[in-house]
Amino acid sequence: MLGDIIIAEPNAHIAFAGKKVIEQTLKKTIPDGSQAAEYSFHKGLFDPIVPRNPLKGVLNELFQLHGFLPLNQG
């Protein structure tokens, strides 16, 4: 992933393949929860984890911080 700010939703499943496919391909057991957004956040992949309801406000703040217009202005 490449970007300035990466936001995930709580409990989002972040993976390119399912757990069984990865285990069969690598012939190793992967830890439970290793494909959850919270696990990836603690490894440094995401900036914030934001629930959907406050997401518009968080994006508005980020756009203002980076010099873009607020979402509520036309």
PDB file of N, CA and C in Angstrom:
ATOM      1  N   MET A   1       0.845  -1.169   0.000  1.00  0.00           N
ATOM      2  CA  MET A   1       0.000   0.000   0.000  1.00  0.00           C
ATOM      3  C   MET A   1       0.893   1.236   0.000  1.00  0.00           C
ATOM      4  N   LEU A   2       0.453   2.223  -0.720  1.00  0.00           N
ATOM      5  CA  LEU A   2       1.231   3.448  -0.808  1.00  0.00           C
ATOM      6  C   LEU A   2       0.282   4.616  -0.623  1.00  0.00           C
ATOM      7  N   GLY A   3       0.561   5.483   0.287  1.00  0.00           N
ATOM      8  CA  GLY A   3      -0.281   6.643   0.515  1.00  0.00           C
ATOM      9  C   GLY A   3       0.243   7.465   1.656  1.00  0.00           C
ATOM     10  N   ASP A   4      -0.260   8.681   1.741  1.00  0.00           N
ATOM     11  CA  ASP A   4       0.159   9.555   2.826  1.00  0.00           C
ATOM     12  C   ASP A   4      -0.526   9.187   4.132  1.00  0.00           C
ATOM     13  N   ILE A   5      -1.826   8.918   4.066  1.00  0.00           N
ATOM     14  CA  ILE A   5      -2.595   8.579   5.257  1.00  0.00           C
ATOM     15  C   ILE A   5      -3.461   7.373   4.921  1.00  0.00           C
ATOM     16  N   ILE A   6      -3.343   6.330   5.709  1.00  0.00           N
ATOM     17  CA  ILE A   6      -4.127   5.118   5.491  1.00  0.00           C
ATOM     18  C   ILE A   6      -5.039   4.934   6.683  1.00  0.00           C
ATOM     19  N   ILE A   7      -6.355   4.886   6.430  1.00  0.00           N
ATOM     20  CA  ILE A   7      -7.362   4.770   7.481  1.00  0.00           C
ATOM     21  C   ILE A   7      -8.069   3.434   7.334  1.00  0.00           C
ATOM     22  N   ALA A   8      -8.284   2.764   8.453  1.00  0.00           N
ATOM     23  CA  ALA A   8      -9.021   1.498   8.452  1.00  0.00           C
ATOM     24  C   ALA A   8     -10.232   1.613   9.376  1.00  0.00           C
ATOM     25  N   GLU A   9     -11.226   0.783   9.126  1.00  0.00           N
ATOM     26  CA  GLU A   9     -12.373   0.694  10.025  1.00  0.00           C
ATOM     27  C   GLU A   9     -12.078  -0.345  11.101  1.00  0.00           C
ATOM     28  N   PRO A  10     -12.696  -0.202  12.275  1.00  0.00           N
ATOM     29  CA  PRO A  10     -12.503  -1.206  13.324  1.00  0.00           C
ATOM     30  C   PRO A  10     -12.943  -2.594  12.857  1.00  0.00           C
ATOM     31  N   ASN A  11     -12.197  -3.581  13.230  1.00  0.00           N
ATOM     32  CA  ASN A  11     -12.474  -4.987  12.922  1.00  0.00           C
ATOM     33  C   ASN A  11     -12.470  -5.306  11.430  1.00  0.00           C
ATOM     34  N   ALA A  12     -11.881  -4.433  10.617  1.00  0.00           N
ATOM     35  CA  ALA A  12     -11.794  -4.704   9.180  1.00  0.00           C
ATOM     36  C   ALA A  12     -10.850  -5.878   8.935  1.00  0.00           C
ATOM     37  N   HIS A  13     -11.164  -6.675   7.936  1.00  0.00           N
ATOM     38  CA  HIS A  13     -10.343  -7.820   7.552  1.00  0.00           C
ATOM     39  C   HIS A  13      -9.407  -7.337   6.448  1.00  0.00           C
ATOM     40  N   ILE A  14      -8.117  -7.316   6.705  1.00  0.00           N
ATOM     41  CA  ILE A  14      -7.128  -6.785   5.774  1.00  0.00           C
ATOM     42  C   ILE A  14      -6.243  -7.935   5.297  1.00  0.00           C
ATOM     43  N   ALA A  15      -6.468  -8.385   4.077  1.00  0.00           N
ATOM     44  CA  ALA A  15      -5.666  -9.499   3.563  1.00  0.00           C
ATOM     45  C   ALA A  15      -5.849  -9.616   2.057  1.00  0.00           C
ATOM     46  N   PHE A  16      -4.864 -10.176   1.404  1.00  0.00           N
ATOM     47  CA  PHE A  16      -4.974 -10.451  -0.020  1.00  0.00           C
ATOM     48  C   PHE A  16      -5.506 -11.857  -0.259  1.00  0.00           C
ATOM     49  N   ALA A  17      -5.410 -12.689   0.746  1.00  0.00           N
ATOM     50  CA  ALA A  17      -5.916 -14.070   0.660  1.00  0.00           C
ATOM     51  C   ALA A  17      -6.403 -14.472   2.044  1.00  0.00           C
ATOM     52  N   GLY A  18      -7.255 -15.463   2.083  1.00  0.00           N
ATOM     53  CA  GLY A  18      -7.771 -15.945   3.355  1.00  0.00           C
ATOM     54  C   GLY A  18      -6.728 -16.711   4.149  1.00  0.00           C
ATOM     55  N   LYS A  19      -7.022 -16.893   5.425  1.00  0.00           N
ATOM     56  CA  LYS A  19      -6.092 -17.550   6.334  1.00  0.00           C
ATOM     57  C   LYS A  19      -5.721 -18.954   5.851  1.00  0.00           C
ATOM     58  N   LYS A  20      -6.728 -19.751   5.420  1.00  0.00           N
ATOM     59  CA  LYS A  20      -6.455 -21.124   4.970  1.00  0.00           C
ATOM     60  C   LYS A  20      -5.562 -21.145   3.743  1.00  0.00           C
ATOM     61  N   VAL A  21      -5.799 -20.225   2.816  1.00  0.00           N
ATOM     62  CA  VAL A  21      -4.980 -20.172   1.590  1.00  0.00           C
ATOM     63  C   VAL A  21      -3.538 -19.832   1.942  1.00  0.00           C
ATOM     64  N   ILE A  22      -3.351 -18.866   2.823  1.00  0.00           N
ATOM     65  CA  ILE A  22      -1.998 -18.482   3.228  1.00  0.00           C
ATOM     66  C   ILE A  22      -1.298 -19.647   3.922  1.00  0.00           C
ATOM     67  N   GLU A  23      -2.009 -20.309   4.837  1.00  0.00           N
ATOM     68  CA  GLU A  23      -1.406 -21.436   5.557  1.00  0.00           C
ATOM     69  C   GLU A  23      -1.055 -22.579   4.616  1.00  0.00           C
ATOM     70  N   GLN A  24      -1.917 -22.873   3.649  1.00  0.00           N
ATOM     71  CA  GLN A  24      -1.629 -23.949   2.702  1.00  0.00           C
ATOM     72  C   GLN A  24      -0.455 -23.584   1.798  1.00  0.00           C
ATOM     73  N   THR A  25      -0.376 -22.310   1.407  1.00  0.00           N
ATOM     74  CA  THR A  25       0.703 -21.874   0.519  1.00  0.00           C
ATOM     75  C   THR A  25       2.048 -21.855   1.242  1.00  0.00           C
ATOM     76  N   LEU A  26       2.063 -21.295   2.447  1.00  0.00           N
ATOM     77  CA  LEU A  26       3.310 -21.183   3.195  1.00  0.00           C
ATOM     78  C   LEU A  26       3.651 -22.426   4.013  1.00  0.00           C
ATOM     79  N   LYS A  27       2.657 -23.301   4.161  1.00  0.00           N
ATOM     80  CA  LYS A  27       2.805 -24.497   4.985  1.00  0.00           C
ATOM     81  C   LYS A  27       3.200 -24.126   6.418  1.00  0.00           C
ATOM     82  N   LYS A  28       2.592 -23.031   6.910  1.00  0.00           N
ATOM     83  CA  LYS A  28       2.796 -22.546   8.275  1.00  0.00           C
ATOM     84  C   LYS A  28       1.453 -22.090   8.826  1.00  0.00           C
ATOM     85  N   THR A  29       1.326 -22.130  10.130  1.00  0.00           N
ATOM     86  CA  THR A  29       0.126 -21.614  10.783  1.00  0.00           C
ATOM     87  C   THR A  29       0.321 -20.135  11.056  1.00  0.00           C
ATOM     88  N   ILE A  30      -0.664 -19.326  10.673  1.00  0.00           N
ATOM     89  CA  ILE A  30      -0.576 -17.903  10.983  1.00  0.00           C
ATOM     90  C   ILE A  30      -1.453 -17.620  12.203  1.00  0.00           C
ATOM     91  N   PRO A  31      -1.077 -16.644  13.008  1.00  0.00           N
ATOM     92  CA  PRO A  31      -1.828 -16.371  14.241  1.00  0.00           C
ATOM     93  C   PRO A  31      -3.252 -15.895  13.965  1.00  0.00           C
ATOM     94  N   ASP A  32      -4.178 -16.277  14.834  1.00  0.00           N
ATOM     95  CA  ASP A  32      -5.540 -15.770  14.742  1.00  0.00           C
ATOM     96  C   ASP A  32      -5.517 -14.263  14.910  1.00  0.00           C
ATOM     97  N   GLY A  33      -6.328 -13.582  14.127  1.00  0.00           N
ATOM     98  CA  GLY A  33      -6.410 -12.130  14.219  1.00  0.00           C
ATOM     99  C   GLY A  33      -5.315 -11.387  13.488  1.00  0.00           C
ATOM    100  N   SER A  34      -4.421 -12.094  12.821  1.00  0.00           N
ATOM    101  CA  SER A  34      -3.311 -11.413  12.142  1.00  0.00           C
ATOM    102  C   SER A  34      -3.760 -10.664  10.899  1.00  0.00           C
ATOM    103  N   GLN A  35      -4.998 -10.899  10.453  1.00  0.00           N
ATOM    104  CA  GLN A  35      -5.513 -10.177   9.290  1.00  0.00           C
ATOM    105  C   GLN A  35      -6.508  -9.096   9.697  1.00  0.00           C
ATOM    106  N   ALA A  36      -6.609  -8.806  10.985  1.00  0.00           N
ATOM    107  CA  ALA A  36      -7.512  -7.767  11.478  1.00  0.00           C
ATOM    108  C   ALA A  36      -6.824  -6.404  11.415  1.00  0.00           C
ATOM    109  N   ALA A  37      -7.600  -5.367  11.239  1.00  0.00           N
ATOM    110  CA  ALA A  37      -7.053  -4.012  11.144  1.00  0.00           C
ATOM    111  C   ALA A  37      -6.253  -3.646  12.386  1.00  0.00           C
ATOM    112  N   GLU A  38      -6.720  -4.051  13.555  1.00  0.00           N
ATOM    113  CA  GLU A  38      -6.039  -3.707  14.798  1.00  0.00           C
ATOM    114  C   GLU A  38      -4.631  -4.306  14.858  1.00  0.00           C
ATOM    115  N   TYR A  39      -4.472  -5.529  14.372  1.00  0.00           N
ATOM    116  CA  TYR A  39      -3.160  -6.177  14.333  1.00  0.00           C
ATOM    117  C   TYR A  39      -2.221  -5.382  13.404  1.00  0.00           C
ATOM    118  N   SER A  40      -2.730  -5.038  12.232  1.00  0.00           N
ATOM    119  CA  SER A  40      -1.914  -4.275  11.275  1.00  0.00           C
ATOM    120  C   SER A  40      -1.590  -2.886  11.796  1.00  0.00           C
ATOM    121  N   PHE A  41      -2.531  -2.277  12.530  1.00  0.00           N
ATOM    122  CA  PHE A  41      -2.290  -0.958  13.123  1.00  0.00           C
ATOM    123  C   PHE A  41      -1.107  -1.023  14.087  1.00  0.00           C
ATOM    124  N   HIS A  42      -1.081  -2.037  14.930  1.00  0.00           N
ATOM    125  CA  HIS A  42       0.012  -2.168  15.906  1.00  0.00           C
ATOM    126  C   HIS A  42       1.346  -2.485  15.226  1.00  0.00           C
ATOM    127  N   LYS A  43       1.311  -2.973  14.002  1.00  0.00           N
ATOM    128  CA  LYS A  43       2.535  -3.225  13.233  1.00  0.00           C
ATOM    129  C   LYS A  43       2.941  -1.999  12.416  1.00  0.00           C
ATOM    130  N   GLY A  44       2.106  -0.920  12.452  1.00  0.00           N
ATOM    131  CA  GLY A  44       2.461   0.320  11.766  1.00  0.00           C
ATOM    132  C   GLY A  44       1.914   0.482  10.369  1.00  0.00           C
ATOM    133  N   LEU A  45       0.971  -0.354   9.938  1.00  0.00           N
ATOM    134  CA  LEU A  45       0.454  -0.258   8.569  1.00  0.00           C
ATOM    135  C   LEU A  45      -0.535   0.890   8.404  1.00  0.00           C
ATOM    136  N   PHE A  46      -1.341   1.169   9.434  1.00  0.00           N
ATOM    137  CA  PHE A  46      -2.358   2.205   9.341  1.00  0.00           C
ATOM    138  C   PHE A  46      -2.009   3.381  10.225  1.00  0.00           C
ATOM    139  N   ASP A  47      -2.543   4.546   9.860  1.00  0.00           N
ATOM    140  CA  ASP A  47      -2.389   5.708  10.724  1.00  0.00           C
ATOM    141  C   ASP A  47      -3.475   5.663  11.795  1.00  0.00           C
ATOM    142  N   PRO A  48      -4.747   5.935  11.472  1.00  0.00           N
ATOM    143  CA  PRO A  48      -5.787   5.740  12.492  1.00  0.00           C
ATOM    144  C   PRO A  48      -6.733   4.600  12.127  1.00  0.00           C
ATOM    145  N   ILE A  49      -7.424   4.094  13.136  1.00  0.00           N
ATOM    146  CA  ILE A  49      -8.572   3.216  12.924  1.00  0.00           C
ATOM    147  C   ILE A  49      -9.775   4.044  13.348  1.00  0.00           C
ATOM    148  N   VAL A  50     -10.686   4.290  12.407  1.00  0.00           N
ATOM    149  CA  VAL A  50     -11.796   5.206  12.644  1.00  0.00           C
ATOM    150  C   VAL A  50     -13.109   4.516  12.312  1.00  0.00           C
ATOM    151  N   PRO A  51     -14.064   4.491  13.259  1.00  0.00           N
ATOM    152  CA  PRO A  51     -15.388   3.953  12.953  1.00  0.00           C
ATOM    153  C   PRO A  51     -16.061   4.784  11.857  1.00  0.00           C
ATOM    154  N   ARG A  52     -17.006   4.203  11.168  1.00  0.00           N
ATOM    155  CA  ARG A  52     -17.632   4.855  10.019  1.00  0.00           C
ATOM    156  C   ARG A  52     -18.365   6.152  10.388  1.00  0.00           C
ATOM    157  N   ASN A  53     -19.061   6.187  11.521  1.00  0.00           N
ATOM    158  CA  ASN A  53     -19.842   7.384  11.869  1.00  0.00           C
ATOM    159  C   ASN A  53     -19.000   8.654  11.973  1.00  0.00           C
ATOM    160  N   PRO A  54     -17.867   8.662  12.668  1.00  0.00           N
ATOM    161  CA  PRO A  54     -17.072   9.899  12.743  1.00  0.00           C
ATOM    162  C   PRO A  54     -16.094  10.078  11.576  1.00  0.00           C
ATOM    163  N   LEU A  55     -16.119   9.200  10.593  1.00  0.00           N
ATOM    164  CA  LEU A  55     -15.134   9.247   9.510  1.00  0.00           C
ATOM    165  C   LEU A  55     -15.190  10.566   8.730  1.00  0.00           C
ATOM    166  N   LYS A  56     -16.386  11.085   8.463  1.00  0.00           N
ATOM    167  CA  LYS A  56     -16.502  12.338   7.709  1.00  0.00           C
ATOM    168  C   LYS A  56     -15.788  13.473   8.443  1.00  0.00           C
ATOM    169  N   GLY A  57     -15.967  13.564   9.765  1.00  0.00           N
ATOM    170  CA  GLY A  57     -15.301  14.603  10.537  1.00  0.00           C
ATOM    171  C   GLY A  57     -13.789  14.447  10.538  1.00  0.00           C
ATOM    172  N   VAL A  58     -13.324  13.201  10.641  1.00  0.00           N
ATOM    173  CA  VAL A  58     -11.876  12.941  10.622  1.00  0.00           C
ATOM    174  C   VAL A  58     -11.300  13.332   9.258  1.00  0.00           C
ATOM    175  N   LEU A  59     -11.984  12.968   8.182  1.00  0.00           N
ATOM    176  CA  LEU A  59     -11.512  13.345   6.842  1.00  0.00           C
ATOM    177  C   LEU A  59     -11.515  14.864   6.671  1.00  0.00           C
ATOM    178  N   ASN A  60     -12.545  15.521   7.182  1.00  0.00           N
ATOM    179  CA  ASN A  60     -12.616  16.979   7.114  1.00  0.00           C
ATOM    180  C   ASN A  60     -11.402  17.606   7.805  1.00  0.00           C
ATOM    181  N   GLU A  61     -11.070  17.121   8.995  1.00  0.00           N
ATOM    182  CA  GLU A  61      -9.905  17.643   9.719  1.00  0.00           C
ATOM    183  C   GLU A  61      -8.613  17.401   8.943  1.00  0.00           C
ATOM    184  N   LEU A  62      -8.479  16.211   8.361  1.00  0.00           N
ATOM    185  CA  LEU A  62      -7.271  15.900   7.590  1.00  0.00           C
ATOM    186  C   LEU A  62      -7.163  16.777   6.347  1.00  0.00           C
ATOM    187  N   PHE A  63      -8.294  17.003   5.664  1.00  0.00           N
ATOM    188  CA  PHE A  63      -8.275  17.863   4.474  1.00  0.00           C
ATOM    189  C   PHE A  63      -7.902  19.291   4.852  1.00  0.00           C
ATOM    190  N   GLN A  64      -8.431  19.783   5.969  1.00  0.00           N
ATOM    191  CA  GLN A  64      -8.065  21.130   6.426  1.00  0.00           C
ATOM    192  C   GLN A  64      -6.582  21.199   6.767  1.00  0.00           C
ATOM    193  N   LEU A  65      -6.094  20.174   7.433  1.00  0.00           N
ATOM    194  CA  LEU A  65      -4.685  20.121   7.805  1.00  0.00           C
ATOM    195  C   LEU A  65      -3.780  20.185   6.574  1.00  0.00           C
ATOM    196  N   HIS A  66      -4.203  19.554   5.494  1.00  0.00           N
ATOM    197  CA  HIS A  66      -3.398  19.495   4.277  1.00  0.00           C
ATOM    198  C   HIS A  66      -3.758  20.595   3.279  1.00  0.00           C
ATOM    199  N   GLY A  67      -4.585  21.556   3.699  1.00  0.00           N
ATOM    200  CA  GLY A  67      -4.866  22.704   2.848  1.00  0.00           C
ATOM    201  C   GLY A  67      -5.999  22.519   1.868  1.00  0.00           C
ATOM    202  N   PHE A  68      -6.798  21.452   1.990  1.00  0.00           N
ATOM    203  CA  PHE A  68      -7.944  21.277   1.124  1.00  0.00           C
ATOM    204  C   PHE A  68      -9.157  21.958   1.744  1.00  0.00           C
ATOM    205  N   LEU A  69     -10.186  22.164   0.958  1.00  0.00           N
ATOM    206  CA  LEU A  69     -11.419  22.746   1.485  1.00  0.00           C
ATOM    207  C   LEU A  69     -12.113  21.770   2.417  1.00  0.00           C
ATOM    208  N   PRO A  70     -12.809  22.260   3.441  1.00  0.00           N
ATOM    209  CA  PRO A  70     -13.610  21.365   4.282  1.00  0.00           C
ATOM    210  C   PRO A  70     -14.702  20.679   3.478  1.00  0.00           C
ATOM    211  N   LEU A  71     -15.111  19.514   3.913  1.00  0.00           N
ATOM    212  CA  LEU A  71     -16.138  18.753   3.189  1.00  0.00           C
ATOM    213  C   LEU A  71     -17.486  19.450   3.146  1.00  0.00           C
ATOM    214  N   ASN A  72     -17.787  20.311   4.142  1.00  0.00           N
ATOM    215  CA  ASN A  72     -19.108  20.923   4.191  1.00  0.00           C
ATOM    216  C   ASN A  72     -19.191  22.213   3.395  1.00  0.00           C
ATOM    217  N   GLN A  73     -18.169  22.592   2.667  1.00  0.00           N
ATOM    218  CA  GLN A  73     -18.219  23.781   1.813  1.00  0.00           C
ATOM    219  C   GLN A  73     -18.323  23.347   0.351  1.00  0.00           C
ATOM    220  N   GLY A  74     -19.068  24.064  -0.398  1.00  0.00           N
ATOM    221  CA  GLY A  74     -19.286  23.707  -1.791  1.00  0.00           C
ATOM    222  C   GLY A  74     -18.473  24.489  -2.682  1.00  0.00           C
TER     223      GLY A  74
END
